[in-house]
Amino acid sequence: MQISDMQPWQWPDSHWQGLVDRVRAGRRLRPTKWKNGARLAVALAFDSDHETSELRDGGKSIGRLAWGQYGNRIGIPRILSLLERHGVPASFYVPAVTALLHPDEQRAITAAGHEIGVHGWIHELNSVLNYKDERDLMERSIDTLEKICGVRPKGLRSPSADFSENTLQLLVELGFTYDSSLGADDDCYELMLNGKPSGVVEIPFEWVRDDAVYFMMHRHQGLRPYTPPSDVFDIFRRELDAAHAEGGLFELTMHPHVITYRSRIWIVEEIIKHAKALGDVWFATHAEIVEWAKEHSE
């Protein structure tokens, strides 16, 4: 009997063990202290999906494309203004198609000192791609962002955190420093590939620290979540407070076309203010945090 014809409980041990071992968390990378003696590292991320949220599934809805355009016209300017006001850096994960649609946006982000990372070509799902196609799209995405921004990206966030069996292998082959798609820990850790250290660091992503799960909706589907902004802030704040108490990392993921409405943008500002009020906090890009964790963890 072929593996494809078997039920999971019929698999030989070697098969399920291989699935589990393909990508695993290795050594934890939590420094005793962060830069400047800080107790907590804060990593703010914005996934600039924009119009690719609709395009990636072959969608043609004018309304959904307009919603994505809001991220460029209103979202990014509001975010950049807020970050400048508070003197805080952030990381922006950008699909290559977003960068091609809005190249001046990416140049403005880079000019302000923020990080640009890879977020797929058109926000595609990596798990449905074969090795050749995934590599091709990843290479094209890197080249597009580097050409537009003048800086080669160091990190990847797989679109929709959809990690294929080949994604880590490609990160190694293409020289990425880190990934931010997986969540096997609260702190940075080294990714293991087939039981061996890959050299690629994971800065954990988790849906509980993502605005989309609380606010996103789709008129033509059954997607109708809605959590009051005050409750979302409370969740994020509790995550931040616990990370500070432990002396670790607080990573927060947001979307320009989701978080920047007038009734929600205050969440970002209050999180920044709350973190600063705690004291002993280092705000940094994902790339900076990964580099510090690699060099200063036992």
Protein backbone atom coordinates (compact mmCIF):
# COMPACT_ATOMS: atom_id res chain seq x y z
CA MET A 1 0.00 0.00 0.00
CA GLN A 2 1.26 3.45 -0.92
CA ILE A 3 1.57 6.17 1.74
CA SER A 4 -0.98 8.24 -0.18
CA ASP A 5 -3.52 5.44 0.20
CA MET A 6 -3.03 5.12 3.96
CA GLN A 7 -4.86 6.73 6.85
CA PRO A 8 -2.55 8.59 9.28
CA TRP A 9 -2.85 5.82 11.86
CA GLN A 10 -1.56 3.38 9.25
CA TRP A 11 1.61 5.32 8.49
CA PRO A 12 4.93 3.71 9.38
CA ASP A 13 6.71 5.51 12.19
CA SER A 14 9.39 6.76 9.81
CA HIS A 15 6.80 8.69 7.78
CA TRP A 16 5.18 10.71 10.56
CA GLN A 17 8.58 11.22 12.17
CA GLY A 18 9.87 12.67 8.91
CA LEU A 19 6.91 15.06 8.69
CA VAL A 20 7.54 16.27 12.23
CA ASP A 21 11.31 16.60 11.78
CA ARG A 22 11.22 18.52 8.48
CA VAL A 23 11.12 21.91 10.26
CA ARG A 24 11.49 22.11 14.03
CA ALA A 25 12.49 24.60 16.70
CA GLY A 26 16.09 24.31 17.78
CA ARG A 27 17.98 26.23 20.44
CA ARG A 28 16.18 29.16 22.03
CA LEU A 29 17.82 32.54 21.50
CA ARG A 30 16.84 34.72 24.46
CA PRO A 31 19.59 37.12 25.53
CA THR A 32 20.07 37.91 29.20
CA LYS A 33 19.70 41.56 28.25
CA TRP A 34 18.70 43.30 25.07
CA LYS A 35 20.51 46.27 23.57
CA ASN A 36 21.30 49.10 25.99
CA GLY A 37 20.47 46.77 28.87
CA ALA A 38 16.79 46.65 27.99
CA ARG A 39 14.60 44.00 29.59
CA LEU A 40 12.18 43.71 26.68
CA ALA A 41 12.52 43.83 22.89
CA VAL A 42 9.53 45.17 20.96
CA ALA A 43 9.21 44.21 17.29
CA LEU A 44 6.38 45.92 15.39
CA ALA A 45 5.50 44.49 11.99
CA PHE A 46 3.14 45.61 9.24
CA ASP A 47 2.18 43.25 6.43
CA SER A 48 1.49 45.46 3.41
CA ASP A 49 -0.85 43.08 1.60
CA HIS A 50 -2.90 45.89 0.04
CA GLU A 51 -4.52 44.77 -3.24
CA THR A 52 -2.86 41.34 -3.18
CA SER A 53 -5.39 40.15 -0.59
CA GLU A 54 -7.85 40.03 -3.49
CA LEU A 55 -5.50 39.29 -6.38
CA ARG A 56 -3.85 36.20 -4.90
CA ASP A 57 -7.01 34.10 -5.28
CA GLY A 58 -7.73 35.38 -8.77
CA GLY A 59 -10.26 37.87 -7.43
CA LYS A 60 -11.49 40.84 -9.46
CA SER A 61 -13.73 42.61 -6.94
CA ILE A 62 -13.42 46.38 -7.38
CA GLY A 63 -14.60 46.84 -3.81
CA ARG A 64 -11.97 44.51 -2.37
CA LEU A 65 -9.25 46.13 -4.47
CA ALA A 66 -10.33 49.55 -3.20
CA TRP A 67 -10.14 48.23 0.35
CA GLY A 68 -6.58 47.11 -0.36
CA GLN A 69 -5.74 50.51 -1.84
CA TYR A 70 -6.76 52.08 1.47
CA GLY A 71 -3.60 50.52 2.89
CA ASN A 72 -1.50 52.61 0.51
CA ARG A 73 -3.48 55.87 0.47
CA ILE A 74 -4.33 56.12 4.16
CA GLY A 75 -2.77 53.26 6.09
CA ILE A 76 0.94 53.63 5.36
CA PRO A 77 1.00 57.45 5.75
CA ARG A 78 -0.76 57.15 9.13
CA ILE A 79 1.64 54.45 10.28
CA LEU A 80 4.76 56.30 9.16
CA SER A 81 3.54 59.49 10.84
CA LEU A 82 2.84 57.66 14.09
CA LEU A 83 6.19 55.86 14.10
CA GLU A 84 8.05 59.10 13.39
CA ARG A 85 6.19 60.88 16.17
CA HIS A 86 7.29 58.26 18.68
CA GLY A 87 10.74 57.60 17.23
CA VAL A 88 10.05 53.89 16.78
CA PRO A 89 11.29 51.60 13.96
CA ALA A 90 9.25 48.79 12.40
CA SER A 91 9.46 46.02 9.82
CA PHE A 92 7.22 45.98 6.74
CA TYR A 93 6.60 42.69 4.91
CA VAL A 94 5.72 43.48 1.32
CA PRO A 95 4.45 41.27 -1.53
CA ALA A 96 6.40 42.08 -4.69
CA VAL A 97 3.17 43.00 -6.51
CA THR A 98 2.42 45.55 -3.76
CA ALA A 99 5.90 47.00 -4.27
CA LEU A 100 5.37 47.21 -8.04
CA LEU A 101 2.00 48.89 -7.58
CA HIS A 102 3.34 51.35 -4.98
CA PRO A 103 7.12 51.74 -5.37
CA ASP A 104 7.19 55.21 -3.80
CA GLU A 105 5.61 53.76 -0.67
CA GLN A 106 8.44 51.28 -0.25
CA ARG A 107 11.07 53.95 -0.84
CA ALA A 108 9.43 56.15 1.80
CA ILE A 109 9.45 53.28 4.30
CA THR A 110 13.13 52.56 3.64
CA ALA A 111 14.07 56.25 3.73
CA ALA A 112 12.46 56.53 7.17
CA GLY A 113 14.81 53.84 8.48
CA HIS A 114 12.37 50.96 8.60
CA GLU A 115 12.96 47.42 7.35
CA ILE A 116 11.47 45.86 4.22
CA GLY A 117 11.03 42.08 4.18
CA VAL A 118 9.76 39.54 1.65
CA HIS A 119 6.07 38.60 1.80
CA GLY A 120 5.70 36.56 -1.35
CA TRP A 121 5.08 37.61 -4.95
CA ILE A 122 1.30 38.10 -4.95
CA HIS A 123 0.59 36.86 -1.40
CA GLU A 124 0.43 33.30 -2.77
CA LEU A 125 0.11 30.22 -0.57
CA ASN A 126 3.47 28.45 -0.52
CA SER A 127 2.00 25.10 0.50
CA VAL A 128 0.35 24.65 -2.91
CA LEU A 129 3.57 25.35 -4.83
CA ASN A 130 6.21 22.89 -5.95
CA TYR A 131 9.87 23.57 -5.19
CA LYS A 132 10.64 25.12 -8.57
CA ASP A 133 7.72 27.57 -8.53
CA GLU A 134 8.27 28.58 -4.91
CA ARG A 135 11.94 29.28 -5.57
CA ASP A 136 11.15 31.26 -8.70
CA LEU A 137 8.62 33.47 -6.90
CA MET A 138 10.92 33.96 -3.92
CA GLU A 139 13.85 34.98 -6.13
CA ARG A 140 11.68 37.37 -8.14
CA SER A 141 10.34 38.89 -4.93
CA ILE A 142 13.82 39.45 -3.52
CA ASP A 143 15.04 41.04 -6.75
CA THR A 144 11.97 43.29 -7.02
CA LEU A 145 12.27 44.63 -3.48
CA GLU A 146 16.02 45.13 -3.81
CA LYS A 147 15.61 47.00 -7.10
CA ILE A 148 12.91 49.30 -5.72
CA CYS A 149 14.33 49.90 -2.24
CA GLY A 150 18.06 49.61 -2.91
CA VAL A 151 18.42 47.15 0.00
CA ARG A 152 18.42 43.37 -0.16
CA PRO A 153 15.84 41.90 2.27
CA LYS A 154 17.14 39.75 5.12
CA GLY A 155 13.88 38.22 6.26
CA LEU A 156 10.76 36.45 5.06
CA ARG A 157 7.23 36.30 6.34
CA SER A 158 5.46 33.64 4.34
CA PRO A 159 2.09 34.96 3.10
CA SER A 160 -0.67 33.96 5.53
CA ALA A 161 2.12 32.23 7.51
CA ASP A 162 1.77 29.39 4.99
CA PHE A 163 5.05 27.50 5.22
CA SER A 164 5.70 24.70 2.72
CA GLU A 165 7.97 21.70 3.16
CA ASN A 166 10.49 23.52 0.93
CA THR A 167 10.34 27.03 2.41
CA LEU A 168 13.13 26.62 4.97
CA GLN A 169 15.39 24.88 2.47
CA LEU A 170 14.90 27.85 0.13
CA LEU A 171 15.65 30.33 2.90
CA VAL A 172 18.97 28.58 3.45
CA GLU A 173 19.79 28.41 -0.25
CA LEU A 174 18.92 32.08 -0.87
CA GLY A 175 20.86 33.41 2.12
CA PHE A 176 18.07 34.69 4.35
CA THR A 177 19.03 35.61 7.90
CA TYR A 178 15.65 34.97 9.46
CA ASP A 179 12.02 33.99 9.06
CA SER A 180 8.90 35.28 10.83
CA SER A 181 6.14 32.83 9.92
CA LEU A 182 6.17 30.18 12.64
CA GLY A 183 5.42 30.09 16.34
CA ALA A 184 7.04 27.24 18.27
CA ASP A 185 8.24 29.59 21.03
CA ASP A 186 7.72 33.04 22.54
CA ASP A 187 11.35 33.95 21.88
CA CYS A 188 13.68 33.79 18.91
CA TYR A 189 15.02 30.34 18.09
CA GLU A 190 17.10 28.63 15.44
CA LEU A 191 15.21 26.59 12.88
CA MET A 192 16.17 22.95 12.42
CA LEU A 193 15.95 21.39 8.96
CA ASN A 194 15.66 17.60 8.97
CA GLY A 195 17.17 17.47 12.43
CA LYS A 196 20.13 19.76 11.71
CA PRO A 197 20.65 23.48 12.57
CA SER A 198 19.80 25.57 9.51
CA GLY A 199 21.43 28.83 10.59
CA VAL A 200 18.11 30.62 9.96
CA VAL A 201 16.58 32.30 13.00
CA GLU A 202 12.84 32.38 13.67
CA ILE A 203 11.34 35.53 15.20
CA PRO A 204 8.00 34.06 16.22
CA PHE A 205 4.73 35.05 14.59
CA GLU A 206 1.43 34.14 16.24
CA TRP A 207 -2.18 34.86 15.24
CA VAL A 208 -3.09 35.95 18.77
CA ARG A 209 -0.78 38.95 18.17
CA ASP A 210 -2.22 39.72 14.72
CA ASP A 211 -4.94 42.29 14.04
CA ALA A 212 -6.45 40.39 11.09
CA VAL A 213 -8.06 37.63 13.14
CA TYR A 214 -10.03 40.17 15.16
CA PHE A 215 -11.11 42.59 12.42
CA MET A 216 -11.02 40.99 8.97
CA MET A 217 -14.26 40.19 7.13
CA HIS A 218 -15.29 39.06 3.67
CA ARG A 219 -18.73 40.02 2.38
CA HIS A 220 -18.90 37.06 -0.02
CA GLN A 221 -17.74 34.45 2.47
CA GLY A 222 -18.57 33.36 5.99
CA LEU A 223 -15.73 35.41 7.45
CA ARG A 224 -17.33 37.80 9.95
CA PRO A 225 -15.07 38.21 12.98
CA TYR A 226 -15.31 41.41 14.94
CA THR A 227 -13.75 42.18 18.28
CA PRO A 228 -14.11 45.64 19.85
CA PRO A 229 -10.87 47.63 19.51
CA SER A 230 -10.66 48.01 23.30
CA ASP A 231 -10.63 44.21 23.65
CA VAL A 232 -7.95 43.84 20.99
CA PHE A 233 -5.82 46.39 22.81
CA ASP A 234 -6.31 44.46 26.03
CA ILE A 235 -5.08 41.23 24.40
CA PHE A 236 -2.02 42.94 22.93
CA ARG A 237 -1.26 44.76 26.19
CA ARG A 238 -1.43 41.55 28.21
CA GLU A 239 0.96 39.87 25.78
CA LEU A 240 3.30 42.85 26.10
CA ASP A 241 3.15 42.92 29.91
CA ALA A 242 3.87 39.20 30.16
CA ALA A 243 6.82 39.47 27.77
CA HIS A 244 8.20 42.35 29.85
CA ALA A 245 7.80 40.35 33.06
CA GLU A 246 9.70 37.44 31.52
CA GLY A 247 12.39 39.62 29.98
CA GLY A 248 11.78 38.38 26.46
CA LEU A 249 10.33 39.46 23.13
CA PHE A 250 7.06 41.08 22.11
CA GLU A 251 6.30 40.76 18.39
CA LEU A 252 3.12 42.37 17.03
CA THR A 253 1.82 41.96 13.48
CA MET A 254 -0.61 44.42 11.88
CA HIS A 255 -1.92 45.29 8.42
CA PRO A 256 -2.11 48.83 7.00
CA HIS A 257 -5.53 48.13 5.44
CA VAL A 258 -6.89 46.77 8.74
CA ILE A 259 -5.44 48.60 11.74
CA THR A 260 -5.40 52.20 10.50
CA TYR A 261 -9.09 53.05 10.57
CA ARG A 262 -9.90 55.95 12.88
CA SER A 263 -11.43 53.66 15.48
CA ARG A 264 -8.40 51.35 15.55
CA ILE A 265 -5.15 53.25 14.92
CA TRP A 266 -5.11 54.35 18.57
CA ILE A 267 -4.31 50.72 19.49
CA VAL A 268 -0.85 51.03 17.90
CA GLU A 269 -0.13 54.31 19.61
CA GLU A 270 -1.29 53.10 23.02
CA ILE A 271 0.82 49.95 22.73
CA ILE A 272 3.89 52.08 22.01
CA LYS A 273 3.13 54.44 24.89
CA HIS A 274 2.44 51.57 27.25
CA ALA A 275 5.71 49.86 26.35
CA LYS A 276 7.67 53.06 26.89
CA ALA A 277 5.98 53.58 30.26
CA LEU A 278 7.16 50.14 31.40
CA GLY A 279 10.76 51.23 30.88
CA ASP A 280 13.77 49.07 29.93
CA VAL A 281 12.34 48.52 26.45
CA TRP A 282 14.18 48.35 23.12
CA PHE A 283 12.18 49.01 19.96
CA ALA A 284 13.89 47.50 16.93
CA THR A 285 13.33 46.01 13.52
CA HIS A 286 13.01 42.25 13.22
CA ALA A 287 16.43 42.06 11.55
CA GLU A 288 18.06 44.00 14.40
CA ILE A 289 16.44 41.80 17.04
CA VAL A 290 17.51 38.62 15.27
CA GLU A 291 21.08 39.84 14.96
CA TRP A 292 21.25 40.76 18.66
CA ALA A 293 19.69 37.44 19.72
CA LYS A 294 22.20 35.46 17.64
CA GLU A 295 25.19 37.29 19.10
CA HIS A 296 24.13 37.56 22.75
CA SER A 297 22.29 34.35 23.61
CA GLU A 298 23.97 31.65 25.61
